[in-house]
Amino acid sequence: MAEQEQRNEPDRLWKTRRRRAGIVAFVAGVVATLALFAFVPGLPHVIDWGAILMALLAGALARWTRLSRMTSTTQSTRR
């Protein structure tokens, strides 16, 4: 039983690291997009539903990009 737990340990660490990276990337994308809409001159300084939806989409895109990059990097090092 202890051997099986030791074999699963790297997998569990990888999943935890991947989850944290996804959360950080999502939050960074949302905050960066909302900051863009709030502080860039020339744009209306109003955070409305359109800005919130765009921020959520940008966060999802940042998360997807980060996780796909982590996966491709790991697969290339395992070969």
N, C-alpha and C. Protein backbone atom coordinates (compact mmCIF):
# COMPACT_ATOMS: atom_id res chain seq x y z
N MET A 1 0.82 -1.19 0.00
CA MET A 1 0.00 0.00 0.00
C MET A 1 0.86 1.26 0.00
N ALA A 2 1.95 1.22 0.73
CA ALA A 2 2.83 2.39 0.78
C ALA A 2 3.47 2.65 -0.57
N GLU A 3 3.79 1.58 -1.30
CA GLU A 3 4.39 1.74 -2.64
C GLU A 3 3.42 2.45 -3.58
N GLN A 4 2.16 2.05 -3.51
CA GLN A 4 1.16 2.67 -4.38
C GLN A 4 1.00 4.16 -4.05
N GLU A 5 1.02 4.50 -2.78
CA GLU A 5 0.90 5.91 -2.39
C GLU A 5 2.10 6.71 -2.87
N GLN A 6 3.29 6.11 -2.83
CA GLN A 6 4.49 6.81 -3.30
C GLN A 6 4.45 7.00 -4.80
N ARG A 7 3.90 6.05 -5.54
CA ARG A 7 3.79 6.20 -6.99
C ARG A 7 2.77 7.27 -7.36
N ASN A 8 1.72 7.41 -6.57
CA ASN A 8 0.68 8.40 -6.86
C ASN A 8 1.08 9.80 -6.41
N GLU A 9 2.10 9.91 -5.58
CA GLU A 9 2.51 11.22 -5.06
C GLU A 9 2.90 12.21 -6.17
N PRO A 10 3.75 11.84 -7.14
CA PRO A 10 4.07 12.81 -8.21
C PRO A 10 2.84 13.22 -9.01
N ASP A 11 1.93 12.28 -9.25
CA ASP A 11 0.70 12.61 -9.96
C ASP A 11 -0.14 13.62 -9.19
N ARG A 12 -0.25 13.40 -7.90
CA ARG A 12 -1.04 14.31 -7.07
C ARG A 12 -0.40 15.70 -7.02
N LEU A 13 0.93 15.73 -6.91
CA LEU A 13 1.63 17.02 -6.91
C LEU A 13 1.45 17.74 -8.23
N TRP A 14 1.52 17.00 -9.34
CA TRP A 14 1.34 17.58 -10.66
C TRP A 14 -0.06 18.17 -10.81
N LYS A 15 -1.07 17.43 -10.36
CA LYS A 15 -2.44 17.92 -10.46
C LYS A 15 -2.66 19.16 -9.60
N THR A 16 -2.06 19.17 -8.43
CA THR A 16 -2.18 20.34 -7.55
C THR A 16 -1.50 21.55 -8.17
N ARG A 17 -0.31 21.36 -8.71
CA ARG A 17 0.43 22.46 -9.34
C ARG A 17 -0.33 22.97 -10.56
N ARG A 18 -0.91 22.06 -11.32
CA ARG A 18 -1.66 22.43 -12.52
C ARG A 18 -2.92 23.22 -12.15
N ARG A 19 -3.61 22.79 -11.10
CA ARG A 19 -4.81 23.48 -10.65
C ARG A 19 -4.48 24.89 -10.18
N ARG A 20 -3.41 25.02 -9.39
CA ARG A 20 -3.01 26.35 -8.90
C ARG A 20 -2.62 27.27 -10.05
N ALA A 21 -1.89 26.73 -11.02
CA ALA A 21 -1.50 27.55 -12.17
C ALA A 21 -2.72 28.01 -12.95
N GLY A 22 -3.72 27.15 -13.08
CA GLY A 22 -4.95 27.53 -13.77
C GLY A 22 -5.70 28.63 -13.05
N ILE A 23 -5.76 28.53 -11.73
CA ILE A 23 -6.45 29.55 -10.95
C ILE A 23 -5.73 30.89 -11.05
N VAL A 24 -4.41 30.86 -10.91
CA VAL A 24 -3.63 32.10 -10.99
C VAL A 24 -3.76 32.74 -12.37
N ALA A 25 -3.71 31.93 -13.42
CA ALA A 25 -3.82 32.48 -14.77
C ALA A 25 -5.21 33.09 -15.00
N PHE A 26 -6.25 32.42 -14.50
CA PHE A 26 -7.60 32.95 -14.67
C PHE A 26 -7.76 34.29 -13.96
N VAL A 27 -7.33 34.35 -12.71
CA VAL A 27 -7.46 35.59 -11.94
C VAL A 27 -6.64 36.72 -12.57
N ALA A 28 -5.44 36.40 -13.04
CA ALA A 28 -4.60 37.41 -13.68
C ALA A 28 -5.26 37.94 -14.95
N GLY A 29 -5.85 37.05 -15.73
CA GLY A 29 -6.54 37.49 -16.95
C GLY A 29 -7.73 38.38 -16.66
N VAL A 30 -8.51 38.01 -15.65
CA VAL A 30 -9.68 38.82 -15.28
C VAL A 30 -9.25 40.19 -14.78
N VAL A 31 -8.28 40.21 -13.87
CA VAL A 31 -7.84 41.48 -13.29
C VAL A 31 -7.22 42.38 -14.35
N ALA A 32 -6.40 41.81 -15.23
CA ALA A 32 -5.76 42.61 -16.27
C ALA A 32 -6.79 43.21 -17.22
N THR A 33 -7.80 42.44 -17.58
CA THR A 33 -8.82 42.96 -18.49
C THR A 33 -9.67 44.03 -17.82
N LEU A 34 -10.04 43.80 -16.57
CA LEU A 34 -10.82 44.83 -15.87
C LEU A 34 -9.99 46.10 -15.68
N ALA A 35 -8.70 45.95 -15.41
CA ALA A 35 -7.83 47.13 -15.29
C ALA A 35 -7.75 47.87 -16.62
N LEU A 36 -7.70 47.12 -17.71
CA LEU A 36 -7.68 47.75 -19.03
C LEU A 36 -8.93 48.61 -19.23
N PHE A 37 -10.09 48.03 -18.94
CA PHE A 37 -11.33 48.78 -19.12
C PHE A 37 -11.45 49.93 -18.14
N ALA A 38 -10.84 49.83 -16.99
CA ALA A 38 -11.00 50.87 -15.97
C ALA A 38 -10.02 52.03 -16.13
N PHE A 39 -8.80 51.76 -16.58
CA PHE A 39 -7.77 52.78 -16.49
C PHE A 39 -7.18 53.27 -17.81
N VAL A 40 -7.44 52.62 -18.91
CA VAL A 40 -6.84 53.05 -20.18
C VAL A 40 -7.58 54.27 -20.71
N PRO A 41 -6.86 55.34 -20.99
CA PRO A 41 -7.51 56.54 -21.54
C PRO A 41 -8.13 56.25 -22.91
N GLY A 42 -9.21 56.87 -23.16
CA GLY A 42 -9.88 56.69 -24.44
C GLY A 42 -11.00 55.68 -24.38
N LEU A 43 -10.96 54.80 -23.40
CA LEU A 43 -12.06 53.86 -23.21
C LEU A 43 -13.01 54.45 -22.18
N PRO A 44 -14.28 54.12 -22.29
CA PRO A 44 -15.19 54.60 -21.24
C PRO A 44 -14.81 53.93 -19.92
N HIS A 45 -14.73 54.72 -18.88
CA HIS A 45 -14.31 54.20 -17.58
C HIS A 45 -15.49 53.65 -16.81
N VAL A 46 -16.17 52.73 -17.45
CA VAL A 46 -17.35 52.12 -16.84
C VAL A 46 -17.17 50.61 -16.94
N ILE A 47 -17.31 49.96 -15.81
CA ILE A 47 -17.29 48.51 -15.82
C ILE A 47 -18.75 48.05 -15.90
N ASP A 48 -19.16 47.63 -17.09
CA ASP A 48 -20.52 47.17 -17.29
C ASP A 48 -20.50 45.67 -17.55
N TRP A 49 -21.64 45.12 -17.89
CA TRP A 49 -21.72 43.67 -18.11
C TRP A 49 -20.85 43.21 -19.27
N GLY A 50 -20.72 44.04 -20.27
CA GLY A 50 -19.86 43.67 -21.40
C GLY A 50 -18.40 43.55 -20.98
N ALA A 51 -17.95 44.47 -20.15
CA ALA A 51 -16.58 44.43 -19.66
C ALA A 51 -16.36 43.22 -18.76
N ILE A 52 -17.36 42.90 -17.95
CA ILE A 52 -17.24 41.73 -17.07
C ILE A 52 -17.19 40.45 -17.88
N LEU A 53 -18.04 40.34 -18.89
CA LEU A 53 -18.02 39.15 -19.75
C LEU A 53 -16.70 39.03 -20.51
N MET A 54 -16.19 40.14 -21.01
CA MET A 54 -14.90 40.11 -21.69
C MET A 54 -13.77 39.71 -20.75
N ALA A 55 -13.84 40.18 -19.51
CA ALA A 55 -12.82 39.83 -18.52
C ALA A 55 -12.88 38.33 -18.21
N LEU A 56 -14.08 37.79 -18.09
CA LEU A 56 -14.21 36.35 -17.84
C LEU A 56 -13.70 35.53 -19.02
N LEU A 57 -13.99 35.99 -20.22
CA LEU A 57 -13.47 35.29 -21.41
C LEU A 57 -11.95 35.38 -21.48
N ALA A 58 -11.40 36.54 -21.15
CA ALA A 58 -9.95 36.70 -21.15
C ALA A 58 -9.31 35.81 -20.07
N GLY A 59 -9.95 35.70 -18.93
CA GLY A 59 -9.46 34.82 -17.87
C GLY A 59 -9.49 33.36 -18.30
N ALA A 60 -10.57 32.97 -18.94
CA ALA A 60 -10.67 31.59 -19.43
C ALA A 60 -9.62 31.31 -20.49
N LEU A 61 -9.38 32.27 -21.36
CA LEU A 61 -8.35 32.11 -22.39
C LEU A 61 -6.96 32.02 -21.77
N ALA A 62 -6.70 32.84 -20.78
CA ALA A 62 -5.40 32.79 -20.09
C ALA A 62 -5.21 31.45 -19.39
N ARG A 63 -6.26 30.95 -18.75
CA ARG A 63 -6.19 29.65 -18.07
C ARG A 63 -5.93 28.54 -19.07
N TRP A 64 -6.68 28.53 -20.17
CA TRP A 64 -6.52 27.49 -21.18
C TRP A 64 -5.11 27.52 -21.77
N THR A 65 -4.60 28.72 -22.04
CA THR A 65 -3.25 28.86 -22.59
C THR A 65 -2.21 28.32 -21.62
N ARG A 66 -2.33 28.68 -20.36
CA ARG A 66 -1.35 28.24 -19.35
C ARG A 66 -1.38 26.73 -19.17
N LEU A 67 -2.57 26.15 -19.08
CA LEU A 67 -2.66 24.71 -18.88
C LEU A 67 -2.19 23.93 -20.10
N SER A 68 -2.48 24.42 -21.29
CA SER A 68 -2.01 23.72 -22.49
C SER A 68 -0.49 23.81 -22.62
N ARG A 69 0.06 24.94 -22.23
CA ARG A 69 1.51 25.09 -22.26
C ARG A 69 2.18 24.17 -21.23
N MET A 70 1.59 24.08 -20.05
CA MET A 70 2.15 23.18 -19.02
C MET A 70 2.08 21.73 -19.49
N THR A 71 0.97 21.35 -20.11
CA THR A 71 0.80 19.98 -20.58
C THR A 71 1.79 19.66 -21.69
N SER A 72 1.95 20.57 -22.64
CA SER A 72 2.86 20.31 -23.76
C SER A 72 4.31 20.27 -23.29
N THR A 73 4.66 21.10 -22.32
CA THR A 73 6.02 21.09 -21.79
C THR A 73 6.30 19.80 -21.06
N THR A 74 5.34 19.31 -20.30
CA THR A 74 5.51 18.07 -19.56
C THR A 74 5.60 16.89 -20.51
N GLN A 75 4.78 16.86 -21.54
CA GLN A 75 4.82 15.75 -22.48
C GLN A 75 6.13 15.72 -23.24
N SER A 76 6.70 16.86 -23.56
CA SER A 76 7.97 16.89 -24.29
C SER A 76 9.13 16.47 -23.39
N THR A 77 9.05 16.71 -22.10
CA THR A 77 10.14 16.30 -21.20
C THR A 77 10.02 14.84 -20.81
N ARG A 78 8.84 14.24 -20.89
CA ARG A 78 8.67 12.83 -20.54
C ARG A 78 9.11 11.91 -21.66
N ARG A 79 9.22 12.40 -22.86
CA ARG A 79 9.60 11.54 -24.00
C ARG A 79 11.02 11.17 -23.97
